[in-house]
């Protein structure tokens, strides 16, 4: 990665994950990164990594080449208003909030800045993220590659057109919650039949890991992998019959559609 200055407005979990990926892989030096956050304890945690801070979001924007907007969607209007007078079209802006489009940020800044819209997920914290990115038409390949690598260092990253970015939230951004819900139900059942919760969780986690690897590496479709596990007149097929009777697959699809609809609302 180049030695362009990267600034993070917001120093929460996602910003921390991205910065850890950059520093852990020695892709950039700590003195090329700065953060701003009103929470001084977060700035202190960054200082321990050698990362400096700015007094305000506007000052951070002025001092940075790439600015990552790592704040919640409801805070974007305030942040964009604050930094607009130090933004210009030489600077690249990165939005990582659900539903916040390239046009939304440009309107807030009042400038046609180069942009990357990103949808990461929380496993980025462990270096196992799944991230989708799209680029504005006026960003250079060099700058886009720099932003892409920021996320690829902490997991897998794919490039999509912006019209798919709200829908992809349901696929990778929100989907860890679906997995945790399924895991909770499995552990709850295990406890109900006398199995220790930690023992059950250990087996559930390893099952998820192994199943993901089967999906990735076996060459079989999800449908074929289901068939491989379901012996005729066996126990697994009975479980699958109940899930189908309760229309669990359609419930998941409906939930994902609701997620996308909310993302559309957030982007206004």
C-alpha atoms as a PDB file:
ATOM      1  CA  UNK A   1       0.000   0.000   0.000  1.00  0.00           C
ATOM      2  CA  UNK A   2       1.117   3.582  -0.607  1.00  0.00           C
ATOM      3  CA  UNK A   3       1.944   6.026   2.139  1.00  0.00           C
ATOM      4  CA  UNK A   4      -1.185   8.092   1.583  1.00  0.00           C
ATOM      5  CA  UNK A   5      -2.632   9.408   4.805  1.00  0.00           C
ATOM      6  CA  UNK A   6      -5.736   7.556   5.965  1.00  0.00           C
ATOM      7  CA  UNK A   7      -8.134   9.100   8.457  1.00  0.00           C
ATOM      8  CA  UNK A   8     -10.938   7.379  10.348  1.00  0.00           C
ATOM      9  CA  UNK A   9     -13.883   9.358  11.663  1.00  0.00           C
ATOM     10  CA  UNK A  10     -15.092   7.020  14.358  1.00  0.00           C
ATOM     11  CA  UNK A  11     -12.793   4.668  16.259  1.00  0.00           C
ATOM     12  CA  UNK A  12     -15.227   1.888  17.151  1.00  0.00           C
ATOM     13  CA  UNK A  13     -15.076  -1.830  16.450  1.00  0.00           C
ATOM     14  CA  UNK A  14     -15.104  -1.642  12.663  1.00  0.00           C
ATOM     15  CA  UNK A  15     -12.464   1.071  12.431  1.00  0.00           C
ATOM     16  CA  UNK A  16     -10.359  -0.872  14.924  1.00  0.00           C
ATOM     17  CA  UNK A  17     -10.692  -4.043  12.843  1.00  0.00           C
ATOM     18  CA  UNK A  18      -9.599  -2.277   9.656  1.00  0.00           C
ATOM     19  CA  UNK A  19      -6.662  -0.585  11.370  1.00  0.00           C
ATOM     20  CA  UNK A  20      -5.596  -3.848  13.024  1.00  0.00           C
ATOM     21  CA  UNK A  21      -5.599  -5.519   9.609  1.00  0.00           C
ATOM     22  CA  UNK A  22      -3.450  -2.785   8.112  1.00  0.00           C
ATOM     23  CA  UNK A  23      -0.950  -2.716  10.976  1.00  0.00           C
ATOM     24  CA  UNK A  24      -0.947  -6.468  11.593  1.00  0.00           C
ATOM     25  CA  UNK A  25      -0.043  -7.120   7.977  1.00  0.00           C
ATOM     26  CA  UNK A  26       2.488  -4.276   7.980  1.00  0.00           C
ATOM     27  CA  UNK A  27       0.717  -2.758   4.981  1.00  0.00           C
ATOM     28  CA  UNK A  28       1.173   0.790   6.290  1.00  0.00           C
ATOM     29  CA  UNK A  29       2.993   2.507   9.115  1.00  0.00           C
ATOM     30  CA  UNK A  30       1.006   3.671  12.131  1.00  0.00           C
ATOM     31  CA  UNK A  31       2.067   7.265  11.572  1.00  0.00           C
ATOM     32  CA  UNK A  32       0.214   7.293   8.229  1.00  0.00           C
ATOM     33  CA  UNK A  33      -3.110   6.697  10.044  1.00  0.00           C
ATOM     34  CA  UNK A  34      -5.107   9.115  12.175  1.00  0.00           C
ATOM     35  CA  UNK A  35      -8.454   8.828  13.943  1.00  0.00           C
ATOM     36  CA  UNK A  36     -11.060  11.141  15.366  1.00  0.00           C
ATOM     37  CA  UNK A  37     -13.686  10.101  17.897  1.00  0.00           C
ATOM     38  CA  UNK A  38     -15.388  12.114  20.640  1.00  0.00           C
ATOM     39  CA  UNK A  39     -14.733   9.186  23.007  1.00  0.00           C
ATOM     40  CA  UNK A  40     -11.261   9.897  24.411  1.00  0.00           C
ATOM     41  CA  UNK A  41     -10.863   6.320  25.665  1.00  0.00           C
ATOM     42  CA  UNK A  42     -11.021   5.087  22.075  1.00  0.00           C
ATOM     43  CA  UNK A  43      -8.348   7.552  21.047  1.00  0.00           C
ATOM     44  CA  UNK A  44      -6.192   6.340  23.942  1.00  0.00           C
ATOM     45  CA  UNK A  45      -6.578   2.747  22.730  1.00  0.00           C
ATOM     46  CA  UNK A  46      -5.451   3.841  19.276  1.00  0.00           C
ATOM     47  CA  UNK A  47      -2.490   5.705  20.723  1.00  0.00           C
ATOM     48  CA  UNK A  48      -1.278   2.424  22.213  1.00  0.00           C
ATOM     49  CA  UNK A  49      -1.004   1.115  18.642  1.00  0.00           C
ATOM     50  CA  UNK A  50       0.984   4.191  17.624  1.00  0.00           C
ATOM     51  CA  UNK A  51      -1.979   5.742  15.800  1.00  0.00           C
ATOM     52  CA  UNK A  52      -2.378   9.485  16.239  1.00  0.00           C
ATOM     53  CA  UNK A  53      -5.584  11.460  16.558  1.00  0.00           C
ATOM     54  CA  UNK A  54      -7.092  14.727  15.349  1.00  0.00           C
ATOM     55  CA  UNK A  55      -8.963  17.253  17.468  1.00  0.00           C
ATOM     56  CA  UNK A  56     -11.996  17.321  15.168  1.00  0.00           C
ATOM     57  CA  UNK A  57     -13.398  15.494  12.182  1.00  0.00           C
ATOM     58  CA  UNK A  58     -12.786  18.590  10.052  1.00  0.00           C
ATOM     59  CA  UNK A  59      -9.099  18.701  10.987  1.00  0.00           C
ATOM     60  CA  UNK A  60      -8.746  14.979  10.326  1.00  0.00           C
ATOM     61  CA  UNK A  61     -10.316  15.443   6.887  1.00  0.00           C
ATOM     62  CA  UNK A  62      -7.934  18.281   6.074  1.00  0.00           C
ATOM     63  CA  UNK A  63      -4.920  16.148   7.021  1.00  0.00           C
ATOM     64  CA  UNK A  64      -5.971  12.927   5.225  1.00  0.00           C
ATOM     65  CA  UNK A  65      -5.971  11.640   1.647  1.00  0.00           C
ATOM     66  CA  UNK A  66      -8.508   8.868   2.306  1.00  0.00           C
ATOM     67  CA  UNK A  67     -11.259   9.402   4.882  1.00  0.00           C
ATOM     68  CA  UNK A  68     -13.191   6.414   6.238  1.00  0.00           C
ATOM     69  CA  UNK A  69     -16.581   7.394   7.655  1.00  0.00           C
ATOM     70  CA  UNK A  70     -16.860   4.780  10.414  1.00  0.00           C
ATOM     71  CA  UNK A  71     -19.968   6.160  12.127  1.00  0.00           C
ATOM     72  CA  UNK A  72     -23.560   4.979  12.401  1.00  0.00           C
ATOM     73  CA  UNK A  73     -26.030   5.914   9.632  1.00  0.00           C
ATOM     74  CA  UNK A  74     -27.955   8.257  11.934  1.00  0.00           C
ATOM     75  CA  UNK A  75     -24.777  10.296  12.546  1.00  0.00           C
ATOM     76  CA  UNK A  76     -23.857  10.863   8.908  1.00  0.00           C
ATOM     77  CA  UNK A  77     -25.691  14.162   8.398  1.00  0.00           C
ATOM     78  CA  UNK A  78     -23.946  15.759  11.385  1.00  0.00           C
ATOM     79  CA  UNK A  79     -20.520  14.426  10.408  1.00  0.00           C
ATOM     80  CA  UNK A  80     -20.797  15.389   6.724  1.00  0.00           C
ATOM     81  CA  UNK A  81     -21.904  18.893   7.661  1.00  0.00           C
ATOM     82  CA  UNK A  82     -18.952  19.281  10.025  1.00  0.00           C
ATOM     83  CA  UNK A  83     -16.277  18.148   7.560  1.00  0.00           C
ATOM     84  CA  UNK A  84     -17.673  19.625   4.340  1.00  0.00           C
ATOM     85  CA  UNK A  85     -15.582  22.814   4.512  1.00  0.00           C
ATOM     86  CA  UNK A  86     -12.305  20.844   4.642  1.00  0.00           C
ATOM     87  CA  UNK A  87     -13.305  18.291   2.002  1.00  0.00           C
ATOM     88  CA  UNK A  88     -12.304  18.670  -1.625  1.00  0.00           C
ATOM     89  CA  UNK A  89     -12.275  16.514  -4.741  1.00  0.00           C
ATOM     90  CA  UNK A  90      -8.662  15.433  -4.219  1.00  0.00           C
ATOM     91  CA  UNK A  91      -9.778  13.376  -1.216  1.00  0.00           C
ATOM     92  CA  UNK A  92     -11.315   9.886  -1.300  1.00  0.00           C
ATOM     93  CA  UNK A  93     -14.226   9.133   1.018  1.00  0.00           C
ATOM     94  CA  UNK A  94     -15.210   5.658   2.168  1.00  0.00           C
ATOM     95  CA  UNK A  95     -18.657   4.922   3.601  1.00  0.00           C
ATOM     96  CA  UNK A  96     -19.117   1.694   5.571  1.00  0.00           C
ATOM     97  CA  UNK A  97     -22.610   2.295   6.998  1.00  0.00           C
ATOM     98  CA  UNK A  98     -25.647   0.296   5.903  1.00  0.00           C
ATOM     99  CA  UNK A  99     -27.753   2.083   3.304  1.00  0.00           C
ATOM    100  CA  UNK A 100     -25.482   5.122   2.924  1.00  0.00           C
ATOM    101  CA  UNK A 101     -24.898   5.610  -0.802  1.00  0.00           C
ATOM    102  CA  UNK A 102     -22.198   7.401  -2.747  1.00  0.00           C
ATOM    103  CA  UNK A 103     -24.684  10.095  -3.745  1.00  0.00           C
ATOM    104  CA  UNK A 104     -25.802  10.553  -0.122  1.00  0.00           C
ATOM    105  CA  UNK A 105     -22.241  11.350   0.989  1.00  0.00           C
ATOM    106  CA  UNK A 106     -21.601  13.644  -1.961  1.00  0.00           C
ATOM    107  CA  UNK A 107     -24.784  15.591  -1.263  1.00  0.00           C
ATOM    108  CA  UNK A 108     -23.773  15.931   2.390  1.00  0.00           C
ATOM    109  CA  UNK A 109     -20.322  17.188   1.438  1.00  0.00           C
ATOM    110  CA  UNK A 110     -21.566  19.348  -1.407  1.00  0.00           C
ATOM    111  CA  UNK A 111     -18.758  17.964  -3.568  1.00  0.00           C
ATOM    112  CA  UNK A 112     -18.252  15.298  -6.220  1.00  0.00           C
ATOM    113  CA  UNK A 113     -15.492  13.535  -4.281  1.00  0.00           C
ATOM    114  CA  UNK A 114     -14.143  10.126  -5.337  1.00  0.00           C
ATOM    115  CA  UNK A 115     -15.907   7.495  -3.255  1.00  0.00           C
ATOM    116  CA  UNK A 116     -15.920   3.848  -2.244  1.00  0.00           C
ATOM    117  CA  UNK A 117     -19.033   2.356  -0.688  1.00  0.00           C
ATOM    118  CA  UNK A 118     -18.297  -0.653   1.505  1.00  0.00           C
ATOM    119  CA  UNK A 119     -20.374  -3.252   3.326  1.00  0.00           C
ATOM    120  CA  UNK A 120     -18.160  -5.178   5.760  1.00  0.00           C
ATOM    121  CA  UNK A 121     -19.272  -7.512   8.542  1.00  0.00           C
ATOM    122  CA  UNK A 122     -18.243  -8.014  12.157  1.00  0.00           C
ATOM    123  CA  UNK A 123     -16.005 -11.108  11.617  1.00  0.00           C
ATOM    124  CA  UNK A 124     -13.599  -8.528  10.180  1.00  0.00           C
ATOM    125  CA  UNK A 125     -12.641  -8.111  13.857  1.00  0.00           C
ATOM    126  CA  UNK A 126     -11.059 -11.587  13.702  1.00  0.00           C
ATOM    127  CA  UNK A 127      -9.499 -11.181  10.275  1.00  0.00           C
ATOM    128  CA  UNK A 128     -12.281 -13.299   8.758  1.00  0.00           C
ATOM    129  CA  UNK A 129     -14.482 -10.606   7.276  1.00  0.00           C
ATOM    130  CA  UNK A 130     -16.678 -10.806   4.196  1.00  0.00           C
ATOM    131  CA  UNK A 131     -16.763  -7.398   2.524  1.00  0.00           C
ATOM    132  CA  UNK A 132     -18.503  -6.015  -0.563  1.00  0.00           C
ATOM    133  CA  UNK A 133     -17.249  -2.829  -2.237  1.00  0.00           C
ATOM    134  CA  UNK A 134     -18.307  -0.572  -5.088  1.00  0.00           C
ATOM    135  CA  UNK A 135     -16.483   2.386  -6.575  1.00  0.00           C
ATOM    136  CA  UNK A 136     -17.524   5.764  -7.910  1.00  0.00           C
ATOM    137  CA  UNK A 137     -16.795   6.482 -11.561  1.00  0.00           C
ATOM    138  CA  UNK A 138     -14.241   9.192 -10.761  1.00  0.00           C
ATOM    139  CA  UNK A 139     -11.899   7.283  -8.428  1.00  0.00           C
ATOM    140  CA  UNK A 140      -8.494   6.269  -9.745  1.00  0.00           C
ATOM    141  CA  UNK A 141      -7.544   2.595  -9.925  1.00  0.00           C
ATOM    142  CA  UNK A 142      -4.676   3.308  -7.520  1.00  0.00           C
ATOM    143  CA  UNK A 143      -6.943   4.825  -4.880  1.00  0.00           C
ATOM    144  CA  UNK A 144      -9.591   2.137  -5.247  1.00  0.00           C
ATOM    145  CA  UNK A 145      -6.968  -0.615  -4.939  1.00  0.00           C
ATOM    146  CA  UNK A 146      -5.728   1.039  -1.748  1.00  0.00           C
ATOM    147  CA  UNK A 147      -9.202   0.954  -0.213  1.00  0.00           C
ATOM    148  CA  UNK A 148      -9.871  -2.581  -1.472  1.00  0.00           C
ATOM    149  CA  UNK A 149      -6.717  -3.881   0.203  1.00  0.00           C
ATOM    150  CA  UNK A 150      -7.689  -2.246   3.498  1.00  0.00           C
ATOM    151  CA  UNK A 151     -10.576  -4.714   3.700  1.00  0.00           C
ATOM    152  CA  UNK A 152      -9.036  -7.676   1.878  1.00  0.00           C
ATOM    153  CA  UNK A 153      -6.285  -7.745   4.519  1.00  0.00           C
ATOM    154  CA  UNK A 154      -8.919  -8.849   7.070  1.00  0.00           C
ATOM    155  CA  UNK A 155     -10.853 -11.453   5.105  1.00  0.00           C
ATOM    156  CA  UNK A 156     -12.453 -11.851   1.686  1.00  0.00           C
ATOM    157  CA  UNK A 157     -13.612  -8.917  -0.451  1.00  0.00           C
ATOM    158  CA  UNK A 158     -15.733  -8.714  -3.604  1.00  0.00           C
ATOM    159  CA  UNK A 159     -16.602  -5.857  -5.972  1.00  0.00           C
ATOM    160  CA  UNK A 160     -20.231  -5.161  -6.886  1.00  0.00           C
ATOM    161  CA  UNK A 161     -22.168  -2.463  -8.741  1.00  0.00           C
ATOM    162  CA  UNK A 162     -23.791   0.047  -6.402  1.00  0.00           C
ATOM    163  CA  UNK A 163     -27.336  -1.015  -7.298  1.00  0.00           C
ATOM    164  CA  UNK A 164     -26.625  -4.301  -5.477  1.00  0.00           C
ATOM    165  CA  UNK A 165     -25.124  -2.762  -2.338  1.00  0.00           C
ATOM    166  CA  UNK A 166     -28.353  -2.494  -0.338  1.00  0.00           C
ATOM    167  CA  UNK A 167     -29.289  -6.092  -1.140  1.00  0.00           C
ATOM    168  CA  UNK A 168     -25.834  -7.423  -0.231  1.00  0.00           C
ATOM    169  CA  UNK A 169     -26.271  -6.182   3.348  1.00  0.00           C
ATOM    170  CA  UNK A 170     -28.655  -9.088   3.961  1.00  0.00           C
ATOM    171  CA  UNK A 171     -26.129 -11.520   2.472  1.00  0.00           C
ATOM    172  CA  UNK A 172     -22.959 -10.593   4.349  1.00  0.00           C
ATOM    173  CA  UNK A 173     -23.469  -7.541   6.568  1.00  0.00           C
ATOM    174  CA  UNK A 174     -26.421  -8.721   8.673  1.00  0.00           C
ATOM    175  CA  UNK A 175     -26.100 -12.462   8.141  1.00  0.00           C
ATOM    176  CA  UNK A 176     -23.790 -13.209  11.100  1.00  0.00           C
ATOM    177  CA  UNK A 177     -26.854 -12.501  13.278  1.00  0.00           C
ATOM    178  CA  UNK A 178     -28.795 -15.229  11.463  1.00  0.00           C
ATOM    179  CA  UNK A 179     -25.992 -17.696  12.176  1.00  0.00           C
ATOM    180  CA  UNK A 180     -25.901 -16.720  15.858  1.00  0.00           C
ATOM    181  CA  UNK A 181     -29.667 -17.175  16.126  1.00  0.00           C
ATOM    182  CA  UNK A 182     -29.435 -20.646  14.642  1.00  0.00           C
ATOM    183  CA  UNK A 183     -26.531 -21.471  16.966  1.00  0.00           C
ATOM    184  CA  UNK A 184     -28.483 -20.250  20.003  1.00  0.00           C
ATOM    185  CA  UNK A 185     -31.449 -22.452  19.111  1.00  0.00           C
ATOM    186  CA  UNK A 186     -29.174 -25.476  18.704  1.00  0.00           C
ATOM    187  CA  UNK A 187     -27.483 -24.867  22.055  1.00  0.00           C
ATOM    188  CA  UNK A 188     -30.835 -24.234  23.756  1.00  0.00           C
ATOM    189  CA  UNK A 189     -32.073 -27.604  22.531  1.00  0.00           C
ATOM    190  CA  UNK A 190     -28.902 -29.335  23.714  1.00  0.00           C
ATOM    191  CA  UNK A 191     -29.306 -27.824  27.189  1.00  0.00           C
ATOM    192  CA  UNK A 192     -32.966 -28.921  27.274  1.00  0.00           C
ATOM    193  CA  UNK A 193     -31.880 -32.549  26.904  1.00  0.00           C
ATOM    194  CA  UNK A 194     -29.130 -32.294  29.530  1.00  0.00           C
ATOM    195  CA  UNK A 195     -26.058 -31.501  27.414  1.00  0.00           C
ATOM    196  CA  UNK A 196     -23.653 -28.907  28.830  1.00  0.00           C
ATOM    197  CA  UNK A 197     -24.012 -25.573  27.024  1.00  0.00           C
ATOM    198  CA  UNK A 198     -20.284 -25.042  26.464  1.00  0.00           C
ATOM    199  CA  UNK A 199     -19.874 -28.575  25.125  1.00  0.00           C
ATOM    200  CA  UNK A 200     -22.754 -28.029  22.731  1.00  0.00           C
ATOM    201  CA  UNK A 201     -21.439 -24.630  21.612  1.00  0.00           C
ATOM    202  CA  UNK A 202     -18.013 -26.119  20.937  1.00  0.00           C
ATOM    203  CA  UNK A 203     -19.554 -28.754  18.665  1.00  0.00           C
ATOM    204  CA  UNK A 204     -21.880 -26.250  16.982  1.00  0.00           C
ATOM    205  CA  UNK A 205     -19.007 -23.886  16.183  1.00  0.00           C
ATOM    206  CA  UNK A 206     -16.875 -26.645  14.709  1.00  0.00           C
ATOM    207  CA  UNK A 207     -19.875 -27.874  12.718  1.00  0.00           C
ATOM    208  CA  UNK A 208     -20.368 -24.399  11.246  1.00  0.00           C
ATOM    209  CA  UNK A 209     -16.664 -24.173  10.388  1.00  0.00           C
ATOM    210  CA  UNK A 210     -16.645 -27.569   8.718  1.00  0.00           C
ATOM    211  CA  UNK A 211     -19.900 -26.951   6.879  1.00  0.00           C
ATOM    212  CA  UNK A 212     -18.574 -23.638   5.520  1.00  0.00           C
ATOM    213  CA  UNK A 213     -15.462 -25.408   4.271  1.00  0.00           C
ATOM    214  CA  UNK A 214     -17.624 -28.065   2.594  1.00  0.00           C
ATOM    215  CA  UNK A 215     -19.596 -25.307   0.841  1.00  0.00           C
ATOM    216  CA  UNK A 216     -16.358 -23.629  -0.225  1.00  0.00           C
ATOM    217  CA  UNK A 217     -14.305 -26.653  -1.269  1.00  0.00           C
ATOM    218  CA  UNK A 218     -16.437 -29.687  -2.068  1.00  0.00           C
ATOM    219  CA  UNK A 219     -17.678 -28.503  -5.445  1.00  0.00           C
ATOM    220  CA  UNK A 220     -21.228 -29.527  -4.482  1.00  0.00           C
ATOM    221  CA  UNK A 221     -24.217 -27.183  -4.400  1.00  0.00           C
ATOM    222  CA  UNK A 222     -25.947 -26.472  -1.075  1.00  0.00           C
ATOM    223  CA  UNK A 223     -28.829 -28.662  -2.250  1.00  0.00           C
ATOM    224  CA  UNK A 224     -26.487 -31.587  -2.946  1.00  0.00           C
ATOM    225  CA  UNK A 225     -24.748 -31.207   0.398  1.00  0.00           C
ATOM    226  CA  UNK A 226     -28.145 -31.356   2.141  1.00  0.00           C
ATOM    227  CA  UNK A 227     -28.963 -34.533   0.226  1.00  0.00           C
ATOM    228  CA  UNK A 228     -25.610 -36.044   1.194  1.00  0.00           C
ATOM    229  CA  UNK A 229     -26.437 -35.645   4.897  1.00  0.00           C
ATOM    230  CA  UNK A 230     -30.073 -36.786   4.665  1.00  0.00           C
ATOM    231  CA  UNK A 231     -30.248 -40.581   4.518  1.00  0.00           C
ATOM    232  CA  UNK A 232     -33.645 -41.953   3.517  1.00  0.00           C
ATOM    233  CA  UNK A 233     -35.734 -42.703   6.589  1.00  0.00           C
ATOM    234  CA  UNK A 234     -32.871 -41.412   8.749  1.00  0.00           C
ATOM    235  CA  UNK A 235     -32.912 -38.859  11.567  1.00  0.00           C
ATOM    236  CA  UNK A 236     -31.633 -35.838   9.600  1.00  0.00           C
ATOM    237  CA  UNK A 237     -34.435 -36.036   7.057  1.00  0.00           C
ATOM    238  CA  UNK A 238     -36.940 -35.764   9.898  1.00  0.00           C
ATOM    239  CA  UNK A 239     -35.309 -32.548  11.053  1.00  0.00           C
ATOM    240  CA  UNK A 240     -35.350 -31.177   7.509  1.00  0.00           C
ATOM    241  CA  UNK A 241     -39.012 -32.101   7.117  1.00  0.00           C
ATOM    242  CA  UNK A 242     -39.923 -30.009  10.167  1.00  0.00           C
ATOM    243  CA  UNK A 243     -37.893 -27.032   8.899  1.00  0.00           C
ATOM    244  CA  UNK A 244     -39.645 -27.245   5.534  1.00  0.00           C
ATOM    245  CA  UNK A 245     -43.085 -27.653   7.119  1.00  0.00           C
ATOM    246  CA  UNK A 246     -42.452 -24.496   9.162  1.00  0.00           C
ATOM    247  CA  UNK A 247     -41.305 -22.802   5.935  1.00  0.00           C
ATOM    248  CA  UNK A 248     -37.985 -21.798   7.456  1.00  0.00           C
ATOM    249  CA  UNK A 249     -36.318 -21.240   4.034  1.00  0.00           C
ATOM    250  CA  UNK A 250     -39.021 -18.731   3.050  1.00  0.00           C
ATOM    251  CA  UNK A 251     -38.797 -17.056   6.454  1.00  0.00           C
ATOM    252  CA  UNK A 252     -35.081 -16.476   5.865  1.00  0.00           C
ATOM    253  CA  UNK A 253     -35.761 -15.022   2.418  1.00  0.00           C
ATOM    254  CA  UNK A 254     -38.467 -12.745   3.866  1.00  0.00           C
ATOM    255  CA  UNK A 255     -36.105 -11.620   6.626  1.00  0.00           C
ATOM    256  CA  UNK A 256     -33.419 -10.749   4.087  1.00  0.00           C
ATOM    257  CA  UNK A 257     -35.928  -8.786   2.013  1.00  0.00           C
ATOM    258  CA  UNK A 258     -36.916  -6.815   5.132  1.00  0.00           C
ATOM    259  CA  UNK A 259     -33.232  -6.078   5.765  1.00  0.00           C
ATOM    260  CA  UNK A 260     -32.850  -4.711   2.235  1.00  0.00           C
ATOM    261  CA  UNK A 261     -35.997  -2.591   2.565  1.00  0.00           C
ATOM    262  CA  UNK A 262     -34.646  -1.010   5.738  1.00  0.00           C
ATOM    263  CA  UNK A 263     -31.331  -0.266   4.018  1.00  0.00           C
ATOM    264  CA  UNK A 264     -33.263   1.559   1.292  1.00  0.00           C
ATOM    265  CA  UNK A 265     -35.018   3.636   3.968  1.00  0.00           C
ATOM    266  CA  UNK A 266     -31.750   4.522   5.706  1.00  0.00           C
ATOM    267  CA  UNK A 267     -30.254   5.818   2.467  1.00  0.00           C
ATOM    268  CA  UNK A 268     -33.219   8.103   1.774  1.00  0.00           C
END
